C-alpha atoms as a PDB file:
ATOM      1  CA  MET A   1     -15.818  37.071 -12.043  1.00  0.00           C
ATOM      2  CA  ARG A   2     -18.644  37.148 -14.511  1.00  0.00           C
ATOM      3  CA  ARG A   3     -17.200  36.755 -17.446  1.00  0.00           C
ATOM      4  CA  PHE A   4     -14.884  34.108 -15.934  1.00  0.00           C
ATOM      5  CA  VAL A   5     -17.855  32.214 -15.062  1.00  0.00           C
ATOM      6  CA  VAL A   6     -19.594  32.440 -18.884  1.00  0.00           C
ATOM      7  CA  ALA A   7     -16.245  31.833 -20.251  1.00  0.00           C
ATOM      8  CA  LEU A   8     -15.698  28.598 -18.242  1.00  0.00           C
ATOM      9  CA  ALA A   9     -19.311  27.225 -19.141  1.00  0.00           C
ATOM     10  CA  MET A  10     -17.863  28.002 -22.214  1.00  0.00           C
ATOM     11  CA  LEU A  11     -15.316  25.409 -21.898  1.00  0.00           C
ATOM     12  CA  THR A  12     -17.048  21.503 -22.550  1.00  0.00           C
ATOM     13  CA  TRP A  13     -15.562  20.291 -25.930  1.00  0.00           C
ATOM     14  CA  SER A  14     -17.994  18.394 -27.194  1.00  0.00           C
ATOM     15  CA  VAL A  15     -16.986  15.433 -29.434  1.00  0.00           C
ATOM     16  CA  SER A  16     -17.830  11.453 -29.744  1.00  0.00           C
ATOM     17  CA  ALA A  17     -16.859   9.886 -26.991  1.00  0.00           C
ATOM     18  CA  TYR A  18     -15.846   6.895 -28.962  1.00  0.00           C
ATOM     19  CA  ALA A  19     -13.504   9.223 -30.961  1.00  0.00           C
ATOM     20  CA  ALA A  20     -10.448  10.220 -30.140  1.00  0.00           C
ATOM     21  CA  SER A  21     -11.116  13.801 -28.810  1.00  0.00           C
ATOM     22  CA  PRO A  22     -12.989  12.655 -25.979  1.00  0.00           C
ATOM     23  CA  VAL A  23     -15.787  15.191 -24.172  1.00  0.00           C
ATOM     24  CA  ILE A  24     -14.245  17.335 -21.483  1.00  0.00           C
ATOM     25  CA  HIS A  25     -16.808  18.375 -19.030  1.00  0.00           C
ATOM     26  CA  THR A  26     -15.141  21.746 -16.326  1.00  0.00           C
ATOM     27  CA  GLU A  27     -18.657  22.428 -15.178  1.00  0.00           C
ATOM     28  CA  ASP A  28     -18.028  21.641 -11.916  1.00  0.00           C
ATOM     29  CA  VAL A  29     -14.867  23.800 -11.557  1.00  0.00           C
ATOM     30  CA  THR A  30     -16.997  26.319 -12.419  1.00  0.00           C
ATOM     31  CA  LEU A  31     -19.630  25.327  -9.754  1.00  0.00           C
ATOM     32  CA  PHE A  32     -16.669  25.001  -7.166  1.00  0.00           C
ATOM     33  CA  TYR A  33     -15.762  28.398  -7.993  1.00  0.00           C
ATOM     34  CA  GLN A  34     -19.071  30.080  -7.578  1.00  0.00           C
ATOM     35  CA  VAL A  35     -18.872  28.716  -3.904  1.00  0.00           C
ATOM     36  CA  TYR A  36     -15.172  29.491  -3.742  1.00  0.00           C
ATOM     37  CA  ASP A  37     -15.736  33.477  -4.298  1.00  0.00           C
ATOM     38  CA  GLY A  38     -19.042  33.374  -2.507  1.00  0.00           C
ATOM     39  CA  ALA A  39     -16.883  32.876   0.673  1.00  0.00           C
ATOM     40  CA  GLY A  40     -14.278  34.546   0.328  1.00  0.00           C
ATOM     41  CA  GLY A  41     -11.804  31.596  -0.111  1.00  0.00           C
ATOM     42  CA  HIS A  42     -12.895  30.152   2.718  1.00  0.00           C
ATOM     43  CA  PRO A  43     -16.043  28.177   2.378  1.00  0.00           C
ATOM     44  CA  ALA A  44     -17.591  25.958   5.546  1.00  0.00           C
ATOM     45  CA  ALA A  45     -18.106  22.137   4.940  1.00  0.00           C
ATOM     46  CA  ASP A  46     -21.748  22.559   4.494  1.00  0.00           C
ATOM     47  CA  GLN A  47     -21.840  24.779   1.942  1.00  0.00           C
ATOM     48  CA  ILE A  48     -19.184  22.778   0.111  1.00  0.00           C
ATOM     49  CA  GLN A  49     -21.013  19.688   0.276  1.00  0.00           C
ATOM     50  CA  HIS A  50     -24.609  21.895  -0.857  1.00  0.00           C
ATOM     51  CA  ASP A  51     -23.719  23.714  -2.962  1.00  0.00           C
ATOM     52  CA  TYR A  52     -20.984  21.376  -5.135  1.00  0.00           C
ATOM     53  CA  ILE A  53     -20.530  18.472  -4.470  1.00  0.00           C
ATOM     54  CA  ASP A  54     -24.574  17.870  -4.540  1.00  0.00           C
ATOM     55  CA  LYS A  55     -25.411  20.394  -7.400  1.00  0.00           C
ATOM     56  CA  GLY A  56     -22.761  18.963  -8.938  1.00  0.00           C
ATOM     57  CA  SER A  57     -21.888  16.491 -11.554  1.00  0.00           C
ATOM     58  CA  ASP A  58     -22.060  11.950 -11.827  1.00  0.00           C
ATOM     59  CA  GLY A  59     -18.656  12.279 -12.308  1.00  0.00           C
ATOM     60  CA  LEU A  60     -17.232  14.373  -9.475  1.00  0.00           C
ATOM     61  CA  ARG A  61     -19.403  12.467  -6.951  1.00  0.00           C
ATOM     62  CA  SER A  62     -17.733   9.079  -8.190  1.00  0.00           C
ATOM     63  CA  PHE A  63     -14.525  11.344  -8.259  1.00  0.00           C
ATOM     64  CA  LEU A  64     -14.803  12.077  -4.723  1.00  0.00           C
ATOM     65  CA  LYS A  65     -16.069   8.542  -3.328  1.00  0.00           C
ATOM     66  CA  GLN A  66     -13.762   6.591  -5.197  1.00  0.00           C
ATOM     67  CA  ARG A  67     -10.566   9.063  -3.667  1.00  0.00           C
ATOM     68  CA  ASN A  68     -12.806   8.996  -0.136  1.00  0.00           C
ATOM     69  CA  THR A  69     -12.818  12.789  -0.508  1.00  0.00           C
ATOM     70  CA  THR A  70     -15.547  14.589   1.597  1.00  0.00           C
ATOM     71  CA  ALA A  71     -16.318  18.395   1.830  1.00  0.00           C
ATOM     72  CA  ALA A  72     -14.424  18.011   5.513  1.00  0.00           C
ATOM     73  CA  ARG A  73     -11.826  17.313   3.708  1.00  0.00           C
ATOM     74  CA  ILE A  74     -11.998  19.849   0.843  1.00  0.00           C
ATOM     75  CA  VAL A  75     -12.129  22.745   2.987  1.00  0.00           C
ATOM     76  CA  GLN A  76      -8.997  21.263   5.470  1.00  0.00           C
ATOM     77  CA  ALA A  77      -6.969  21.346   1.816  1.00  0.00           C
ATOM     78  CA  ILE A  78      -8.138  24.588   1.068  1.00  0.00           C
ATOM     79  CA  ALA A  79      -7.070  25.624   4.702  1.00  0.00           C
ATOM     80  CA  ASP A  80      -3.518  23.718   4.271  1.00  0.00           C
ATOM     81  CA  HIS A  81      -2.804  24.772   0.904  1.00  0.00           C
ATOM     82  CA  PRO A  82      -4.933  28.819  -0.184  1.00  0.00           C
ATOM     83  CA  GLN A  83      -2.501  29.208  -2.816  1.00  0.00           C
ATOM     84  CA  VAL A  84      -3.343  25.733  -4.924  1.00  0.00           C
ATOM     85  CA  TYR A  85      -6.825  26.994  -4.971  1.00  0.00           C
ATOM     86  CA  ALA A  86      -6.746  30.267  -5.698  1.00  0.00           C
ATOM     87  CA  ASP A  87      -3.358  29.317  -8.028  1.00  0.00           C
ATOM     88  CA  ALA A  88      -5.955  26.509  -9.983  1.00  0.00           C
ATOM     89  CA  ARG A  89      -7.719  29.029 -12.357  1.00  0.00           C
ATOM     90  CA  LYS A  90      -4.517  29.765 -14.250  1.00  0.00           C
ATOM     91  CA  CYS A  91      -4.487  25.870 -15.716  1.00  0.00           C
ATOM     92  CA  LEU A  92      -8.309  26.269 -17.639  1.00  0.00           C
ATOM     93  CA  ALA A  93      -7.026  29.273 -20.058  1.00  0.00           C
ATOM     94  CA  VAL A  94      -4.601  25.844 -21.631  1.00  0.00           C
ATOM     95  CA  LEU A  95      -7.267  23.523 -21.559  1.00  0.00           C
ATOM     96  CA  PRO A  96      -8.514  24.598 -25.527  1.00  0.00           C
ATOM     97  CA  ARG A  97      -4.645  24.219 -26.407  1.00  0.00           C
ATOM     98  CA  ALA A  98      -4.215  21.506 -24.572  1.00  0.00           C
ATOM     99  CA  LYS A  99      -6.994  19.536 -26.772  1.00  0.00           C
ATOM    100  CA  VAL A 100      -5.603  19.652 -29.359  1.00  0.00           C
ATOM    101  CA  ARG A 101      -2.249  17.663 -28.318  1.00  0.00           C
ATOM    102  CA  VAL A 102      -4.952  15.143 -26.016  1.00  0.00           C
ATOM    103  CA  SER A 103      -6.639  15.206 -29.695  1.00  0.00           C
ATOM    104  CA  ALA A 104      -3.190  13.891 -31.111  1.00  0.00           C
ATOM    105  CA  ALA A 105      -1.970  11.676 -28.875  1.00  0.00           C
ATOM    106  CA  LEU A 106      -5.485   9.589 -28.209  1.00  0.00           C
ATOM    107  CA  SER A 107      -5.355   9.462 -32.548  1.00  0.00           C
ATOM    108  CA  LYS A 108      -2.177   7.713 -31.961  1.00  0.00           C
ATOM    109  CA  LEU A 109      -3.708   5.772 -29.410  1.00  0.00           C
ATOM    110  CA  GLY A 110      -6.588   4.493 -31.694  1.00  0.00           C
ATOM    111  CA  THR A 111      -4.178   3.889 -34.154  1.00  0.00           C
ATOM    112  CA  LEU A 112      -1.020   1.335 -31.860  1.00  0.00           C
ATOM    113  CA  TYR A 113      -4.281   0.046 -30.359  1.00  0.00           C
ATOM    114  CA  PRO A 114      -7.528   0.123 -32.506  1.00  0.00           C
ATOM    115  CA  GLU A 115      -9.955  -1.164 -29.879  1.00  0.00           C
ATOM    116  CA  ALA A 116      -9.039   1.721 -27.764  1.00  0.00           C
ATOM    117  CA  LYS A 117     -12.251   3.453 -26.182  1.00  0.00           C
ATOM    118  CA  PHE A 118     -12.420   7.345 -25.069  1.00  0.00           C
ATOM    119  CA  PRO A 119     -15.207   7.927 -22.893  1.00  0.00           C
ATOM    120  CA  PRO A 120     -15.694  11.256 -21.409  1.00  0.00           C
ATOM    121  CA  VAL A 121     -12.893  13.262 -18.954  1.00  0.00           C
ATOM    122  CA  THR A 122     -14.651  15.898 -15.932  1.00  0.00           C
ATOM    123  CA  VAL A 123     -12.105  17.826 -14.679  1.00  0.00           C
ATOM    124  CA  ALA A 124     -12.628  18.527 -11.268  1.00  0.00           C
ATOM    125  CA  ILE A 125     -11.937  20.260  -7.372  1.00  0.00           C
ATOM    126  CA  GLY A 126     -10.930  18.085  -4.879  1.00  0.00           C
ATOM    127  CA  ARG A 127      -8.607  17.724  -1.902  1.00  0.00           C
ATOM    128  CA  GLY A 128      -5.161  18.636  -3.105  1.00  0.00           C
ATOM    129  CA  LYS A 129      -4.854  14.915  -4.709  1.00  0.00           C
ATOM    130  CA  PRO A 130      -5.046  13.146  -6.860  1.00  0.00           C
ATOM    131  CA  VAL A 131      -4.191  14.583 -10.434  1.00  0.00           C
ATOM    132  CA  ALA A 132      -6.586  12.321 -11.696  1.00  0.00           C
ATOM    133  CA  ILE A 133      -7.655   8.661 -11.847  1.00  0.00           C
ATOM    134  CA  ALA A 134     -10.042   6.258 -14.443  1.00  0.00           C
ATOM    135  CA  ASP A 135     -12.205   3.652 -14.881  1.00  0.00           C
ATOM    136  CA  GLU A 136     -14.281   2.110 -17.769  1.00  0.00           C
ATOM    137  CA  THR A 137     -16.357   6.101 -17.356  1.00  0.00           C
ATOM    138  CA  GLY A 138     -14.100   7.588 -18.201  1.00  0.00           C
ATOM    139  CA  VAL A 139     -11.467  10.142 -16.623  1.00  0.00           C
ATOM    140  CA  MET A 140     -11.351  12.619 -13.873  1.00  0.00           C
ATOM    141  CA  VAL A 141      -8.841  15.309 -13.383  1.00  0.00           C
ATOM    142  CA  GLY A 142      -8.314  17.134 -10.051  1.00  0.00           C
ATOM    143  CA  LEU A 143      -7.598  20.715 -11.670  1.00  0.00           C
ATOM    144  CA  GLU A 144      -5.782  22.090  -8.187  1.00  0.00           C
ATOM    145  CA  SER A 145      -3.680  19.055  -7.968  1.00  0.00           C
ATOM    146  CA  LEU A 146      -2.598  18.745 -11.957  1.00  0.00           C
ATOM    147  CA  CYS A 147      -2.434  22.778 -11.673  1.00  0.00           C
ATOM    148  CA  GLY A 148      -0.398  22.628  -8.460  1.00  0.00           C
ATOM    149  CA  VAL A 149       2.040  19.625  -8.068  1.00  0.00           C
ATOM    150  CA  SER A 150       5.694  21.390  -8.316  1.00  0.00           C
ATOM    151  CA  TRP A 151       7.494  18.530 -10.327  1.00  0.00           C
ATOM    152  CA  MET A 152       5.479  17.884 -13.484  1.00  0.00           C
ATOM    153  CA  PRO A 153       6.263  19.521 -16.829  1.00  0.00           C
ATOM    154  CA  ALA A 154       6.297  23.205 -16.268  1.00  0.00           C
ATOM    155  CA  ASP A 155       4.115  24.234 -19.739  1.00  0.00           C
ATOM    156  CA  LEU A 156       0.808  23.026 -18.523  1.00  0.00           C
ATOM    157  CA  GLU A 157      -0.307  22.847 -21.661  1.00  0.00           C
ATOM    158  CA  ILE A 158       2.164  19.125 -22.110  1.00  0.00           C
ATOM    159  CA  ARG A 159       1.413  18.835 -19.232  1.00  0.00           C
ATOM    160  CA  VAL A 160      -2.007  18.324 -19.260  1.00  0.00           C
ATOM    161  CA  ALA A 161      -1.836  16.343 -22.134  1.00  0.00           C
ATOM    162  CA  ASP A 162       0.822  14.081 -20.565  1.00  0.00           C
ATOM    163  CA  VAL A 163      -1.646  13.370 -18.150  1.00  0.00           C
ATOM    164  CA  ILE A 164      -4.949  12.330 -19.859  1.00  0.00           C
ATOM    165  CA  ALA A 165      -2.608  10.217 -22.476  1.00  0.00           C
ATOM    166  CA  HIS A 166      -1.677   8.223 -19.286  1.00  0.00           C
ATOM    167  CA  GLU A 167      -5.128   8.058 -17.832  1.00  0.00           C
ATOM    168  CA  TYR A 168      -6.577   6.963 -21.552  1.00  0.00           C
ATOM    169  CA  THR A 169      -4.794   3.785 -20.611  1.00  0.00           C
ATOM    170  CA  HIS A 170      -6.041   3.004 -17.673  1.00  0.00           C
ATOM    171  CA  VAL A 171      -9.530   3.254 -19.319  1.00  0.00           C
ATOM    172  CA  GLN A 172      -8.497   0.672 -21.370  1.00  0.00           C
ATOM    173  CA  GLN A 173      -7.091  -1.804 -18.663  1.00  0.00           C
ATOM    174  CA  ALA A 174     -10.288  -1.219 -16.535  1.00  0.00           C
ATOM    175  CA  LEU A 175     -12.697  -1.794 -19.615  1.00  0.00           C
ATOM    176  CA  THR A 176     -10.271  -5.058 -20.877  1.00  0.00           C
ATOM    177  CA  SER A 177      -8.634  -6.523 -17.739  1.00  0.00           C
ATOM    178  CA  PRO A 178     -11.250  -5.004 -14.821  1.00  0.00           C
ATOM    179  CA  ALA A 179     -10.092  -8.042 -12.508  1.00  0.00           C
ATOM    180  CA  PHE A 180      -6.548  -7.537 -12.765  1.00  0.00           C
ATOM    181  CA  TYR A 181      -6.990  -3.520 -13.087  1.00  0.00           C
ATOM    182  CA  ASN A 182      -9.491  -3.392  -9.623  1.00  0.00           C
ATOM    183  CA  LYS A 183      -8.029  -5.932  -7.886  1.00  0.00           C
ATOM    184  CA  LYS A 184      -8.452  -5.066  -4.151  1.00  0.00           C
ATOM    185  CA  ASP A 185      -4.646  -5.769  -2.794  1.00  0.00           C
ATOM    186  CA  PRO A 186      -3.013  -5.391  -6.005  1.00  0.00           C
ATOM    187  CA  THR A 187       0.869  -6.252  -5.327  1.00  0.00           C
ATOM    188  CA  VAL A 188       3.837  -4.287  -5.464  1.00  0.00           C
ATOM    189  CA  LEU A 189       4.634  -5.820  -8.908  1.00  0.00           C
ATOM    190  CA  GLU A 190       0.703  -5.539 -10.144  1.00  0.00           C
ATOM    191  CA  SER A 191       0.626  -2.060  -9.519  1.00  0.00           C
ATOM    192  CA  ALA A 192       4.069  -1.259 -11.783  1.00  0.00           C
ATOM    193  CA  LEU A 193       2.515  -2.898 -14.224  1.00  0.00           C
ATOM    194  CA  ILE A 194      -0.778  -1.443 -14.217  1.00  0.00           C
ATOM    195  CA  GLU A 195       1.304   2.268 -14.196  1.00  0.00           C
ATOM    196  CA  GLY A 196       4.249   1.012 -16.130  1.00  0.00           C
ATOM    197  CA  ALA A 197       1.844   0.237 -18.921  1.00  0.00           C
ATOM    198  CA  ALA A 198      -0.093   3.839 -18.810  1.00  0.00           C
ATOM    199  CA  GLU A 199       3.062   5.623 -18.468  1.00  0.00           C
ATOM    200  CA  PHE A 200       4.422   3.755 -21.691  1.00  0.00           C
ATOM    201  CA  MET A 201       1.572   4.217 -23.881  1.00  0.00           C
ATOM    202  CA  GLY A 202       1.300   7.745 -22.494  1.00  0.00           C
ATOM    203  CA  ILE A 203       5.314   8.603 -23.643  1.00  0.00           C
ATOM    204  CA  MET A 204       4.226   6.414 -27.354  1.00  0.00           C
ATOM    205  CA  THR A 205       0.991   8.875 -28.150  1.00  0.00           C
ATOM    206  CA  SER A 206       2.434  12.210 -25.869  1.00  0.00           C
ATOM    207  CA  GLY A 207       5.879  11.325 -26.487  1.00  0.00           C
ATOM    208  CA  GLY A 208       5.823  12.293 -22.700  1.00  0.00           C
ATOM    209  CA  THR A 209       5.030  11.847 -19.110  1.00  0.00           C
ATOM    210  CA  SER A 210       4.381  13.357 -16.635  1.00  0.00           C
ATOM    211  CA  TYR A 211       7.142  12.305 -14.203  1.00  0.00           C
ATOM    212  CA  VAL A 212       9.838  14.289 -15.488  1.00  0.00           C
ATOM    213  CA  TYR A 213      12.157  13.928 -12.740  1.00  0.00           C
ATOM    214  CA  PHE A 214      12.813  10.324 -13.333  1.00  0.00           C
ATOM    215  CA  ALA A 215      15.464  10.488 -15.357  1.00  0.00           C
ATOM    216  CA  LYS A 216      17.466  12.913 -13.570  1.00  0.00           C
ATOM    217  CA  ALA A 217      16.711  10.765  -9.931  1.00  0.00           C
ATOM    218  CA  THR A 218      17.950   7.484 -11.452  1.00  0.00           C
ATOM    219  CA  ALA A 219      20.624   7.863 -13.807  1.00  0.00           C
ATOM    220  CA  GLY A 220      23.442   5.616 -12.956  1.00  0.00           C
ATOM    221  CA  ARG A 221      21.313   4.424  -9.856  1.00  0.00           C
ATOM    222  CA  GLU A 222      18.830   1.869 -12.214  1.00  0.00           C
ATOM    223  CA  LYS A 223      20.175  -1.567 -10.572  1.00  0.00           C
ATOM    224  CA  GLN A 224      20.430  -0.483  -7.554  1.00  0.00           C
ATOM    225  CA  ILE A 225      16.640   0.849  -7.776  1.00  0.00           C
ATOM    226  CA  GLU A 226      15.481  -2.310  -9.831  1.00  0.00           C
ATOM    227  CA  ALA A 227      17.652  -4.479  -7.328  1.00  0.00           C
ATOM    228  CA  ALA A 228      15.632  -3.130  -4.183  1.00  0.00           C
ATOM    229  CA  PHE A 229      12.349  -3.531  -6.126  1.00  0.00           C
ATOM    230  CA  VAL A 230      13.254  -7.374  -7.018  1.00  0.00           C
ATOM    231  CA  PRO A 231      12.140  -8.516  -3.288  1.00  0.00           C
ATOM    232  CA  ASP A 232       8.809  -6.539  -3.080  1.00  0.00           C
ATOM    233  CA  GLU A 233       7.163  -7.423  -5.998  1.00  0.00           C
ATOM    234  CA  ASP A 234       4.912 -10.166  -4.167  1.00  0.00           C
ATOM    235  CA  LYS A 235       3.985  -7.325  -0.772  1.00  0.00           C
ATOM    236  CA  THR A 236       0.556  -5.866  -1.008  1.00  0.00           C
ATOM    237  CA  ASP A 237       2.188  -2.724   0.931  1.00  0.00           C
ATOM    238  CA  LEU A 238       2.612  -0.374  -1.631  1.00  0.00           C
ATOM    239  CA  SER A 239       3.984   2.636   0.204  1.00  0.00           C
ATOM    240  CA  ALA A 240       7.606   1.791  -0.533  1.00  0.00           C
ATOM    241  CA  TRP A 241       6.859   2.043  -4.088  1.00  0.00           C
ATOM    242  CA  PHE A 242       3.145   4.172  -4.886  1.00  0.00           C
ATOM    243  CA  PHE A 243       1.215   6.624  -3.827  1.00  0.00           C
ATOM    244  CA  ASN A 244       4.139   8.505  -1.829  1.00  0.00           C
ATOM    245  CA  GLY A 245       4.689  11.817  -3.603  1.00  0.00           C
ATOM    246  CA  THR A 246       2.972  15.107  -2.456  1.00  0.00           C
ATOM    247  CA  LEU A 247       2.454  18.397  -4.476  1.00  0.00           C
ATOM    248  CA  GLU A 248       6.037  19.466  -3.551  1.00  0.00           C
ATOM    249  CA  LYS A 249       8.111  15.850  -3.019  1.00  0.00           C
ATOM    250  CA  PRO A 250       7.726  13.770  -5.901  1.00  0.00           C
ATOM    251  CA  GLY A 251       7.519   9.757  -5.440  1.00  0.00           C
ATOM    252  CA  ASP A 252       5.847   7.125  -7.433  1.00  0.00           C
ATOM    253  CA  MET A 253       9.324   5.153  -8.416  1.00  0.00           C
ATOM    254  CA  GLY A 254       7.316   1.905  -8.893  1.00  0.00           C
ATOM    255  CA  TYR A 255       5.490   3.907 -11.570  1.00  0.00           C
ATOM    256  CA  TRP A 256       9.151   3.997 -13.336  1.00  0.00           C
ATOM    257  CA  VAL A 257      10.342   0.502 -12.976  1.00  0.00           C
ATOM    258  CA  GLY A 258       7.321  -0.342 -13.811  1.00  0.00           C
ATOM    259  CA  ARG A 259       7.727   1.258 -17.493  1.00  0.00           C
ATOM    260  CA  ARG A 260      11.362  -0.060 -17.835  1.00  0.00           C
ATOM    261  CA  ILE A 261       9.666  -4.218 -17.141  1.00  0.00           C
ATOM    262  CA  VAL A 262       7.293  -3.071 -19.936  1.00  0.00           C
ATOM    263  CA  GLN A 263       9.802  -0.901 -22.294  1.00  0.00           C
ATOM    264  CA  SER A 264      11.576  -4.062 -22.180  1.00  0.00           C
ATOM    265  CA  TYR A 265       8.527  -7.120 -22.866  1.00  0.00           C
ATOM    266  CA  TYR A 266       7.725  -4.381 -26.289  1.00  0.00           C
ATOM    267  CA  GLU A 267      11.919  -4.148 -27.218  1.00  0.00           C
ATOM    268  CA  HIS A 268      11.990  -7.874 -26.895  1.00  0.00           C
ATOM    269  CA  ALA A 269       8.823  -8.575 -28.875  1.00  0.00           C
ATOM    270  CA  ALA A 270       8.761  -8.934 -32.747  1.00  0.00           C
ATOM    271  CA  ASP A 271       5.466  -8.432 -33.220  1.00  0.00           C
ATOM    272  CA  LYS A 272       4.649  -4.343 -31.707  1.00  0.00           C
ATOM    273  CA  ARG A 273       1.068  -4.353 -32.696  1.00  0.00           C
ATOM    274  CA  ALA A 274       0.429  -7.279 -30.784  1.00  0.00           C
ATOM    275  CA  ALA A 275       2.768  -6.547 -27.722  1.00  0.00           C
ATOM    276  CA  ILE A 276       0.652  -3.426 -27.636  1.00  0.00           C
ATOM    277  CA  ARG A 277      -2.399  -5.198 -27.176  1.00  0.00           C
ATOM    278  CA  ASP A 278      -0.545  -7.318 -24.011  1.00  0.00           C
ATOM    279  CA  ILE A 279       0.928  -4.211 -22.649  1.00  0.00           C
ATOM    280  CA  ILE A 280      -2.301  -2.689 -22.510  1.00  0.00           C
ATOM    281  CA  GLU A 281      -4.568  -6.328 -21.534  1.00  0.00           C
ATOM    282  CA  ILE A 282      -2.015  -7.240 -19.036  1.00  0.00           C
ATOM    283  CA  LYS A 283      -3.838 -10.635 -16.718  1.00  0.00           C
ATOM    284  CA  ASP A 284      -1.073 -11.986 -15.058  1.00  0.00           C
ATOM    285  CA  ALA A 285       1.705 -10.557 -13.982  1.00  0.00           C
ATOM    286  CA  HIS A 286       3.918 -12.885 -13.032  1.00  0.00           C
ATOM    287  CA  THR A 287       3.864 -14.251 -16.479  1.00  0.00           C
ATOM    288  CA  PHE A 288       4.119 -10.793 -18.164  1.00  0.00           C
ATOM    289  CA  LEU A 289       7.010 -10.255 -16.401  1.00  0.00           C
ATOM    290  CA  ALA A 290       8.736 -13.665 -17.231  1.00  0.00           C
ATOM    291  CA  ARG A 291       8.424 -12.682 -20.429  1.00  0.00           C
ATOM    292  CA  SER A 292       9.040  -9.654 -20.584  1.00  0.00           C
ATOM    293  CA  GLY A 293      12.964 -10.599 -20.451  1.00  0.00           C
ATOM    294  CA  TRP A 294      13.515  -7.368 -17.883  1.00  0.00           C
ATOM    295  CA  TYR A 295      16.199  -7.995 -15.181  1.00  0.00           C
ATOM    296  CA  PRO A 296      17.870  -5.189 -12.578  1.00  0.00           C
ATOM    297  CA  GLY A 297      19.678  -2.536 -14.961  1.00  0.00           C
ATOM    298  CA  ILE A 298      18.936  -4.083 -18.059  1.00  0.00           C
ATOM    299  CA  PRO A 299      19.834  -1.872 -20.943  1.00  0.00           C
ATOM    300  CA  LEU A 300      17.287  -0.286 -22.910  1.00  0.00           C
ATOM    301  CA  GLY A 301      16.143   2.332 -25.465  1.00  0.00           C
ATOM    302  CA  LYS A 302      15.957   6.075 -24.257  1.00  0.00           C
ATOM    303  CA  ASP A 303      14.836   6.487 -21.017  1.00  0.00           C
ATOM    304  CA  GLU A 304      12.571   9.257 -20.490  1.00  0.00           C
END
C-alpha cells in the first residue's frame, strides 16, 4: 500500500496551465484511499469529511460543491457500489499513457481554436457520478465514476482521453460564453448545443467519444429520435434527454442530437475555422439552430 501511495503522489503532471498539456492533479485520490484503506473500505461520514474533504484541494471542494456531494452521500455511494470504489485504482495505471493522448487531442484543439485555454484537471473521488464536469477554472474528474461506467470505451486509456477532450470544450464555453454556459435553467435545445459542441469537438480532437453506444442505439432511428426532440426544444425539464444514465445504463440522448446539430452547422459552413469558433462560442441557441441547416434525420458525415 505504501508503494501505491508514493507512486500516486508522484503522478502530478507539471505543465503550464495554458499549454496543450494541462497540469493533472491526483493528490485527492491519494488522500481518499488513505482514508478508505484506513477504515477497511468502510469509512464513516465524519472521516470522509475531516480527513478527505477538509484536507483536500480547492478543486476537490469545488467539484463536490457543484454536484451537491456531501461526505454522507459518498459513504452511501460506497455502500451501494463497493466494487466501484475498490476497482477505481485500476484507472490510475493508465493515466501516464492517457496523458500522451490528451496532449495530442488538446494540441489539435489549440490548432483548431487558437484562443483555447487549458487550466488544470483535478482527479478526485466522488459519489459515483458525474464522470466529469468543467468550468472556467478547469476540469474535474470523478475517478470512480470514470472507471466504473460499463458502457464507455473498454480501453481505459482511450476513455480518459475522450472524456478530457470533451470537457475542455466546456472550459472554453465557460470562458467565452458564460451567460449561455452557466444559465440556471437551460432549455433542452441549449443543453443539447452545449453538450453537442463538446461531443463534436471531442471527436474532432481525440478521435472518439465516450458515448460509444450512440451509433448502435440510433442506427436507422435518426429521424424518429430527432423528430421527438423538436417539440421538447424549449422545455426546461431535461430529464428525457439528459442526465438520465447510470453506471450500468447509458442515457443522455440529447448529447447525440446536439452533436448532430453542431455537425450540420460545421458541414454547411464555408469557413470551417470560423465555424469552429461559432460552435465553441454559441450564445443564442435558436440562431445557431437556424443557421445549422439541421432537420430531423438529416444525412451527415460518418456518425460516431
